[in-house]
Amino acid sequence: MTDHATAEAWVSDYERLWRTPGTDALGEIFTDDATYRTSPWAEPVVGLPALAELWEAERDGPDEQFTLGAHVVAVDGGTAVVRVDVRYEPSGDRWRDLWILELDADGRCTSFEEWPIAPGG
């Protein structure tokens, strides 16, 4: 069963790993067979090797300049919904996302689904 504190810790660990070189530590926060959707309409990426490949392709590297704010909106059983605000520097690009997380008993994510929304979108 997931609670707000577990979801908040998971988001903090996600940001820490996004800012960490490499992808060797993804198993700390994702299960081996985790699914990851970059939008509700995207085909899921399945498993740590595919997830590692996606992360390396999607981020500018561990030195990427951004601020991330997150608020756990709801928790029900193993599901958490998180509202995320991201601002990239120096471009000033902003996104507001909803993340739907399914967390196992160890607090690792079995399913990640992102609903990204750009300003005016």
N, C-alpha and C. Protein backbone atom coordinates (compact mmCIF):
# COMPACT_ATOMS: atom_id res chain seq x y z
N MET A 1 0.85 -1.19 0.00
CA MET A 1 0.00 0.00 0.00
C MET A 1 0.89 1.25 0.00
N THR A 2 0.61 2.15 -0.88
CA THR A 2 1.37 3.38 -1.03
C THR A 2 0.74 4.48 -0.19
N ASP A 3 1.59 5.36 0.36
CA ASP A 3 1.09 6.54 1.06
C ASP A 3 1.76 7.78 0.46
N HIS A 4 1.35 8.95 0.91
CA HIS A 4 1.90 10.19 0.37
C HIS A 4 3.42 10.26 0.53
N ALA A 5 3.92 9.86 1.68
CA ALA A 5 5.36 9.94 1.93
C ALA A 5 6.14 9.05 0.97
N THR A 6 5.63 7.86 0.69
CA THR A 6 6.29 6.95 -0.25
C THR A 6 6.30 7.54 -1.65
N ALA A 7 5.18 8.11 -2.07
CA ALA A 7 5.10 8.73 -3.39
C ALA A 7 6.03 9.93 -3.48
N GLU A 8 6.07 10.76 -2.45
CA GLU A 8 6.96 11.92 -2.45
C GLU A 8 8.42 11.48 -2.52
N ALA A 9 8.78 10.45 -1.77
CA ALA A 9 10.15 9.93 -1.81
C ALA A 9 10.49 9.39 -3.19
N TRP A 10 9.52 8.72 -3.82
CA TRP A 10 9.77 8.18 -5.15
C TRP A 10 10.06 9.31 -6.14
N VAL A 11 9.27 10.38 -6.10
CA VAL A 11 9.48 11.51 -7.00
C VAL A 11 10.85 12.14 -6.75
N SER A 12 11.22 12.29 -5.51
CA SER A 12 12.54 12.83 -5.17
C SER A 12 13.66 11.95 -5.73
N ASP A 13 13.50 10.64 -5.60
CA ASP A 13 14.49 9.71 -6.14
C ASP A 13 14.52 9.75 -7.66
N TYR A 14 13.36 9.93 -8.29
CA TYR A 14 13.28 10.05 -9.75
C TYR A 14 14.11 11.25 -10.21
N GLU A 15 13.89 12.39 -9.58
CA GLU A 15 14.65 13.59 -9.96
C GLU A 15 16.14 13.38 -9.73
N ARG A 16 16.50 12.79 -8.59
CA ARG A 16 17.92 12.53 -8.29
C ARG A 16 18.54 11.67 -9.38
N LEU A 17 17.85 10.61 -9.80
CA LEU A 17 18.40 9.72 -10.82
C LEU A 17 18.42 10.39 -12.19
N TRP A 18 17.45 11.24 -12.49
CA TRP A 18 17.46 11.96 -13.77
C TRP A 18 18.71 12.84 -13.86
N ARG A 19 19.14 13.37 -12.70
CA ARG A 19 20.30 14.26 -12.64
C ARG A 19 21.62 13.50 -12.46
N THR A 20 21.56 12.18 -12.37
CA THR A 20 22.74 11.35 -12.14
C THR A 20 23.24 10.79 -13.47
N PRO A 21 24.55 10.84 -13.72
CA PRO A 21 25.07 10.26 -14.96
C PRO A 21 24.76 8.76 -15.05
N GLY A 22 24.43 8.31 -16.25
CA GLY A 22 24.16 6.90 -16.47
C GLY A 22 22.77 6.50 -16.01
N THR A 23 22.49 5.22 -16.17
CA THR A 23 21.16 4.70 -15.83
C THR A 23 21.24 3.43 -14.98
N ASP A 24 22.41 3.14 -14.46
CA ASP A 24 22.60 1.90 -13.70
C ASP A 24 21.70 1.80 -12.47
N ALA A 25 21.28 2.92 -11.92
CA ALA A 25 20.51 2.89 -10.67
C ALA A 25 19.00 2.88 -10.89
N LEU A 26 18.54 2.78 -12.13
CA LEU A 26 17.09 2.80 -12.37
C LEU A 26 16.35 1.70 -11.61
N GLY A 27 17.02 0.58 -11.36
CA GLY A 27 16.41 -0.51 -10.61
C GLY A 27 16.08 -0.15 -9.16
N GLU A 28 16.62 0.97 -8.69
CA GLU A 28 16.27 1.44 -7.34
C GLU A 28 14.83 1.91 -7.28
N ILE A 29 14.32 2.45 -8.40
CA ILE A 29 12.97 3.04 -8.37
C ILE A 29 11.99 2.38 -9.32
N PHE A 30 12.48 1.55 -10.24
CA PHE A 30 11.62 0.83 -11.16
C PHE A 30 11.85 -0.67 -11.03
N THR A 31 10.79 -1.46 -11.19
CA THR A 31 10.94 -2.90 -11.21
C THR A 31 11.55 -3.33 -12.55
N ASP A 32 12.07 -4.53 -12.60
CA ASP A 32 12.71 -5.04 -13.82
C ASP A 32 11.78 -5.01 -15.03
N ASP A 33 10.49 -5.22 -14.79
CA ASP A 33 9.51 -5.30 -15.88
C ASP A 33 8.58 -4.08 -15.94
N ALA A 34 9.03 -2.96 -15.37
CA ALA A 34 8.21 -1.76 -15.34
C ALA A 34 7.80 -1.30 -16.73
N THR A 35 6.62 -0.70 -16.81
CA THR A 35 6.18 -0.06 -18.04
C THR A 35 6.26 1.45 -17.84
N TYR A 36 6.56 2.17 -18.93
CA TYR A 36 6.76 3.61 -18.87
C TYR A 36 6.14 4.22 -20.12
N ARG A 37 5.16 5.09 -19.92
CA ARG A 37 4.51 5.78 -21.04
C ARG A 37 4.84 7.27 -20.96
N THR A 38 5.31 7.85 -22.06
CA THR A 38 5.62 9.27 -22.10
C THR A 38 4.38 10.12 -22.36
N SER A 39 3.27 9.49 -22.65
CA SER A 39 1.97 10.14 -22.73
C SER A 39 0.92 9.03 -22.60
N PRO A 40 -0.32 9.40 -22.32
CA PRO A 40 -1.33 8.35 -22.20
C PRO A 40 -1.57 7.62 -23.51
N TRP A 41 -1.13 8.20 -24.63
CA TRP A 41 -1.37 7.61 -25.94
C TRP A 41 -0.16 6.83 -26.46
N ALA A 42 0.98 6.97 -25.81
CA ALA A 42 2.21 6.32 -26.27
C ALA A 42 2.20 4.83 -25.96
N GLU A 43 2.83 4.08 -26.83
CA GLU A 43 3.07 2.66 -26.52
C GLU A 43 4.02 2.60 -25.33
N PRO A 44 3.82 1.69 -24.41
CA PRO A 44 4.70 1.64 -23.25
C PRO A 44 6.08 1.11 -23.61
N VAL A 45 7.07 1.69 -22.96
CA VAL A 45 8.41 1.13 -22.96
C VAL A 45 8.39 0.10 -21.84
N VAL A 46 8.92 -1.10 -22.08
CA VAL A 46 8.80 -2.17 -21.10
C VAL A 46 10.18 -2.68 -20.70
N GLY A 47 10.45 -2.71 -19.40
CA GLY A 47 11.67 -3.28 -18.87
C GLY A 47 12.78 -2.26 -18.69
N LEU A 48 13.69 -2.55 -17.75
CA LEU A 48 14.76 -1.62 -17.42
C LEU A 48 15.69 -1.30 -18.60
N PRO A 49 16.10 -2.27 -19.42
CA PRO A 49 16.98 -1.91 -20.54
C PRO A 49 16.34 -0.91 -21.50
N ALA A 50 15.07 -1.11 -21.82
CA ALA A 50 14.38 -0.18 -22.72
C ALA A 50 14.17 1.17 -22.05
N LEU A 51 13.89 1.16 -20.76
CA LEU A 51 13.71 2.39 -20.01
C LEU A 51 15.02 3.18 -19.96
N ALA A 52 16.13 2.49 -19.76
CA ALA A 52 17.44 3.14 -19.73
C ALA A 52 17.72 3.81 -21.08
N GLU A 53 17.39 3.13 -22.15
CA GLU A 53 17.59 3.69 -23.49
C GLU A 53 16.73 4.94 -23.68
N LEU A 54 15.49 4.89 -23.23
CA LEU A 54 14.60 6.04 -23.34
C LEU A 54 15.15 7.23 -22.56
N TRP A 55 15.57 6.99 -21.32
CA TRP A 55 16.10 8.09 -20.50
C TRP A 55 17.29 8.75 -21.18
N GLU A 56 18.20 7.95 -21.70
CA GLU A 56 19.38 8.53 -22.34
C GLU A 56 19.00 9.33 -23.58
N ALA A 57 17.96 8.92 -24.28
CA ALA A 57 17.52 9.64 -25.48
C ALA A 57 16.74 10.91 -25.13
N GLU A 58 16.01 10.91 -24.02
CA GLU A 58 15.11 12.01 -23.69
C GLU A 58 15.77 13.15 -22.92
N ARG A 59 16.77 12.88 -22.14
CA ARG A 59 17.36 13.95 -21.34
C ARG A 59 18.60 14.52 -22.03
N ASP A 60 18.92 15.76 -21.67
CA ASP A 60 20.10 16.41 -22.23
C ASP A 60 21.35 15.99 -21.48
N GLY A 61 21.22 15.19 -20.46
CA GLY A 61 22.34 14.75 -19.65
C GLY A 61 22.11 15.15 -18.21
N PRO A 62 22.95 14.66 -17.32
CA PRO A 62 22.75 14.93 -15.90
C PRO A 62 22.92 16.40 -15.53
N ASP A 63 23.54 17.20 -16.41
CA ASP A 63 23.71 18.63 -16.12
C ASP A 63 22.59 19.48 -16.69
N GLU A 64 21.54 18.84 -17.20
CA GLU A 64 20.39 19.57 -17.75
C GLU A 64 19.86 20.54 -16.69
N GLN A 65 19.64 21.78 -17.08
CA GLN A 65 19.20 22.81 -16.14
C GLN A 65 17.68 22.89 -16.11
N PHE A 66 17.10 22.54 -14.97
CA PHE A 66 15.66 22.63 -14.80
C PHE A 66 15.33 22.66 -13.32
N THR A 67 14.16 23.16 -13.02
CA THR A 67 13.62 23.05 -11.67
C THR A 67 12.36 22.20 -11.75
N LEU A 68 12.16 21.39 -10.75
CA LEU A 68 11.01 20.49 -10.71
C LEU A 68 10.29 20.69 -9.39
N GLY A 69 9.01 20.93 -9.48
CA GLY A 69 8.17 20.98 -8.30
C GLY A 69 7.11 19.89 -8.44
N ALA A 70 6.79 19.23 -7.35
CA ALA A 70 5.83 18.13 -7.41
C ALA A 70 4.92 18.16 -6.19
N HIS A 71 3.67 17.76 -6.43
CA HIS A 71 2.69 17.66 -5.36
C HIS A 71 1.89 16.38 -5.56
N VAL A 72 1.90 15.52 -4.56
CA VAL A 72 1.10 14.29 -4.62
C VAL A 72 -0.37 14.69 -4.44
N VAL A 73 -1.14 14.45 -5.48
CA VAL A 73 -2.55 14.84 -5.49
C VAL A 73 -3.42 13.80 -4.81
N ALA A 74 -3.14 12.52 -5.09
CA ALA A 74 -3.99 11.45 -4.55
C ALA A 74 -3.20 10.16 -4.46
N VAL A 75 -3.58 9.34 -3.51
CA VAL A 75 -3.02 8.00 -3.34
C VAL A 75 -4.18 7.07 -3.04
N ASP A 76 -4.19 5.93 -3.75
CA ASP A 76 -5.23 4.93 -3.52
C ASP A 76 -4.59 3.57 -3.73
N GLY A 77 -4.47 2.79 -2.69
CA GLY A 77 -3.80 1.49 -2.80
C GLY A 77 -2.37 1.68 -3.24
N GLY A 78 -2.00 1.09 -4.36
CA GLY A 78 -0.64 1.22 -4.89
C GLY A 78 -0.51 2.31 -5.94
N THR A 79 -1.58 3.10 -6.15
CA THR A 79 -1.57 4.12 -7.19
C THR A 79 -1.40 5.50 -6.57
N ALA A 80 -0.50 6.29 -7.18
CA ALA A 80 -0.32 7.69 -6.78
C ALA A 80 -0.45 8.57 -8.01
N VAL A 81 -1.07 9.72 -7.84
CA VAL A 81 -1.17 10.73 -8.89
C VAL A 81 -0.41 11.95 -8.40
N VAL A 82 0.51 12.42 -9.24
CA VAL A 82 1.39 13.52 -8.86
C VAL A 82 1.30 14.62 -9.91
N ARG A 83 1.12 15.86 -9.45
CA ARG A 83 1.18 17.01 -10.36
C ARG A 83 2.61 17.52 -10.33
N VAL A 84 3.21 17.67 -11.51
CA VAL A 84 4.62 18.04 -11.63
C VAL A 84 4.72 19.30 -12.49
N ASP A 85 5.49 20.27 -12.01
CA ASP A 85 5.80 21.47 -12.77
C ASP A 85 7.29 21.46 -13.06
N VAL A 86 7.65 21.63 -14.34
CA VAL A 86 9.05 21.64 -14.74
C VAL A 86 9.31 22.92 -15.54
N ARG A 87 10.40 23.59 -15.20
CA ARG A 87 10.85 24.77 -15.94
C ARG A 87 12.30 24.54 -16.34
N TYR A 88 12.53 24.62 -17.65
CA TYR A 88 13.87 24.41 -18.20
C TYR A 88 14.57 25.76 -18.37
N GLU A 89 15.84 25.77 -18.04
CA GLU A 89 16.66 26.97 -18.20
C GLU A 89 17.76 26.65 -19.20
N PRO A 90 18.20 27.55 -19.97
CA PRO A 90 17.83 28.97 -19.96
C PRO A 90 16.62 29.29 -20.85
N SER A 91 16.02 28.29 -21.48
CA SER A 91 14.94 28.53 -22.45
C SER A 91 13.67 29.08 -21.81
N GLY A 92 13.44 28.73 -20.55
CA GLY A 92 12.20 29.13 -19.89
C GLY A 92 11.01 28.25 -20.24
N ASP A 93 11.25 27.19 -21.03
CA ASP A 93 10.16 26.26 -21.37
C ASP A 93 9.56 25.69 -20.10
N ARG A 94 8.23 25.57 -20.09
CA ARG A 94 7.52 25.03 -18.92
C ARG A 94 6.61 23.91 -19.34
N TRP A 95 6.45 22.99 -18.43
CA TRP A 95 5.50 21.88 -18.60
C TRP A 95 4.80 21.67 -17.27
N ARG A 96 3.56 21.31 -17.34
CA ARG A 96 2.83 20.81 -16.17
C ARG A 96 2.38 19.41 -16.55
N ASP A 97 2.75 18.46 -15.75
CA ASP A 97 2.45 17.06 -16.02
C ASP A 97 1.62 16.47 -14.90
N LEU A 98 0.89 15.45 -15.24
CA LEU A 98 0.35 14.54 -14.24
C LEU A 98 1.08 13.22 -14.43
N TRP A 99 1.56 12.67 -13.35
CA TRP A 99 2.18 11.35 -13.37
C TRP A 99 1.27 10.39 -12.64
N ILE A 100 0.98 9.27 -13.27
CA ILE A 100 0.22 8.21 -12.61
C ILE A 100 1.20 7.08 -12.36
N LEU A 101 1.42 6.79 -11.10
CA LEU A 101 2.41 5.80 -10.68
C LEU A 101 1.73 4.61 -10.03
N GLU A 102 2.17 3.43 -10.40
CA GLU A 102 1.79 2.21 -9.68
C GLU A 102 3.05 1.76 -8.95
N LEU A 103 3.01 1.74 -7.63
CA LEU A 103 4.17 1.37 -6.83
C LEU A 103 3.93 0.04 -6.14
N ASP A 104 4.99 -0.78 -6.08
CA ASP A 104 4.88 -2.07 -5.41
C ASP A 104 5.12 -1.90 -3.91
N ALA A 105 5.10 -3.00 -3.18
CA ALA A 105 5.26 -2.96 -1.72
C ALA A 105 6.61 -2.41 -1.30
N ASP A 106 7.63 -2.48 -2.19
CA ASP A 106 8.95 -1.95 -1.89
C ASP A 106 9.10 -0.49 -2.29
N GLY A 107 8.03 0.11 -2.84
CA GLY A 107 8.08 1.49 -3.27
C GLY A 107 8.69 1.70 -4.64
N ARG A 108 8.88 0.60 -5.39
CA ARG A 108 9.39 0.73 -6.76
C ARG A 108 8.22 0.78 -7.73
N CYS A 109 8.42 1.49 -8.81
CA CYS A 109 7.36 1.72 -9.78
C CYS A 109 7.23 0.53 -10.74
N THR A 110 6.02 0.04 -10.87
CA THR A 110 5.73 -1.01 -11.83
C THR A 110 5.12 -0.44 -13.11
N SER A 111 4.53 0.76 -12.99
CA SER A 111 3.90 1.41 -14.14
C SER A 111 3.98 2.92 -13.95
N PHE A 112 4.49 3.61 -14.98
CA PHE A 112 4.61 5.06 -14.98
C PHE A 112 3.89 5.58 -16.22
N GLU A 113 2.98 6.51 -16.02
CA GLU A 113 2.26 7.12 -17.15
C GLU A 113 2.28 8.63 -16.96
N GLU A 114 2.78 9.33 -17.99
CA GLU A 114 2.91 10.78 -17.94
C GLU A 114 1.86 11.43 -18.82
N TRP A 115 1.23 12.48 -18.32
CA TRP A 115 0.29 13.29 -19.08
C TRP A 115 0.92 14.68 -19.18
N PRO A 116 1.77 14.93 -20.19
CA PRO A 116 2.46 16.22 -20.29
C PRO A 116 1.57 17.30 -20.91
N ILE A 117 1.61 18.49 -20.34
CA ILE A 117 0.81 19.60 -20.84
C ILE A 117 1.71 20.84 -20.93
N ALA A 118 1.84 21.37 -22.14
CA ALA A 118 2.61 22.59 -22.36
C ALA A 118 1.69 23.79 -22.18
N PRO A 119 2.25 24.96 -21.86
CA PRO A 119 1.39 26.16 -21.74
C PRO A 119 0.59 26.36 -23.03
N GLY A 120 -0.67 26.65 -22.87
CA GLY A 120 -1.55 26.88 -24.00
C GLY A 120 -2.02 25.58 -24.66
N GLY A 121 -1.59 24.42 -24.10
CA GLY A 121 -1.92 23.14 -24.71
C GLY A 121 -3.16 22.53 -24.18
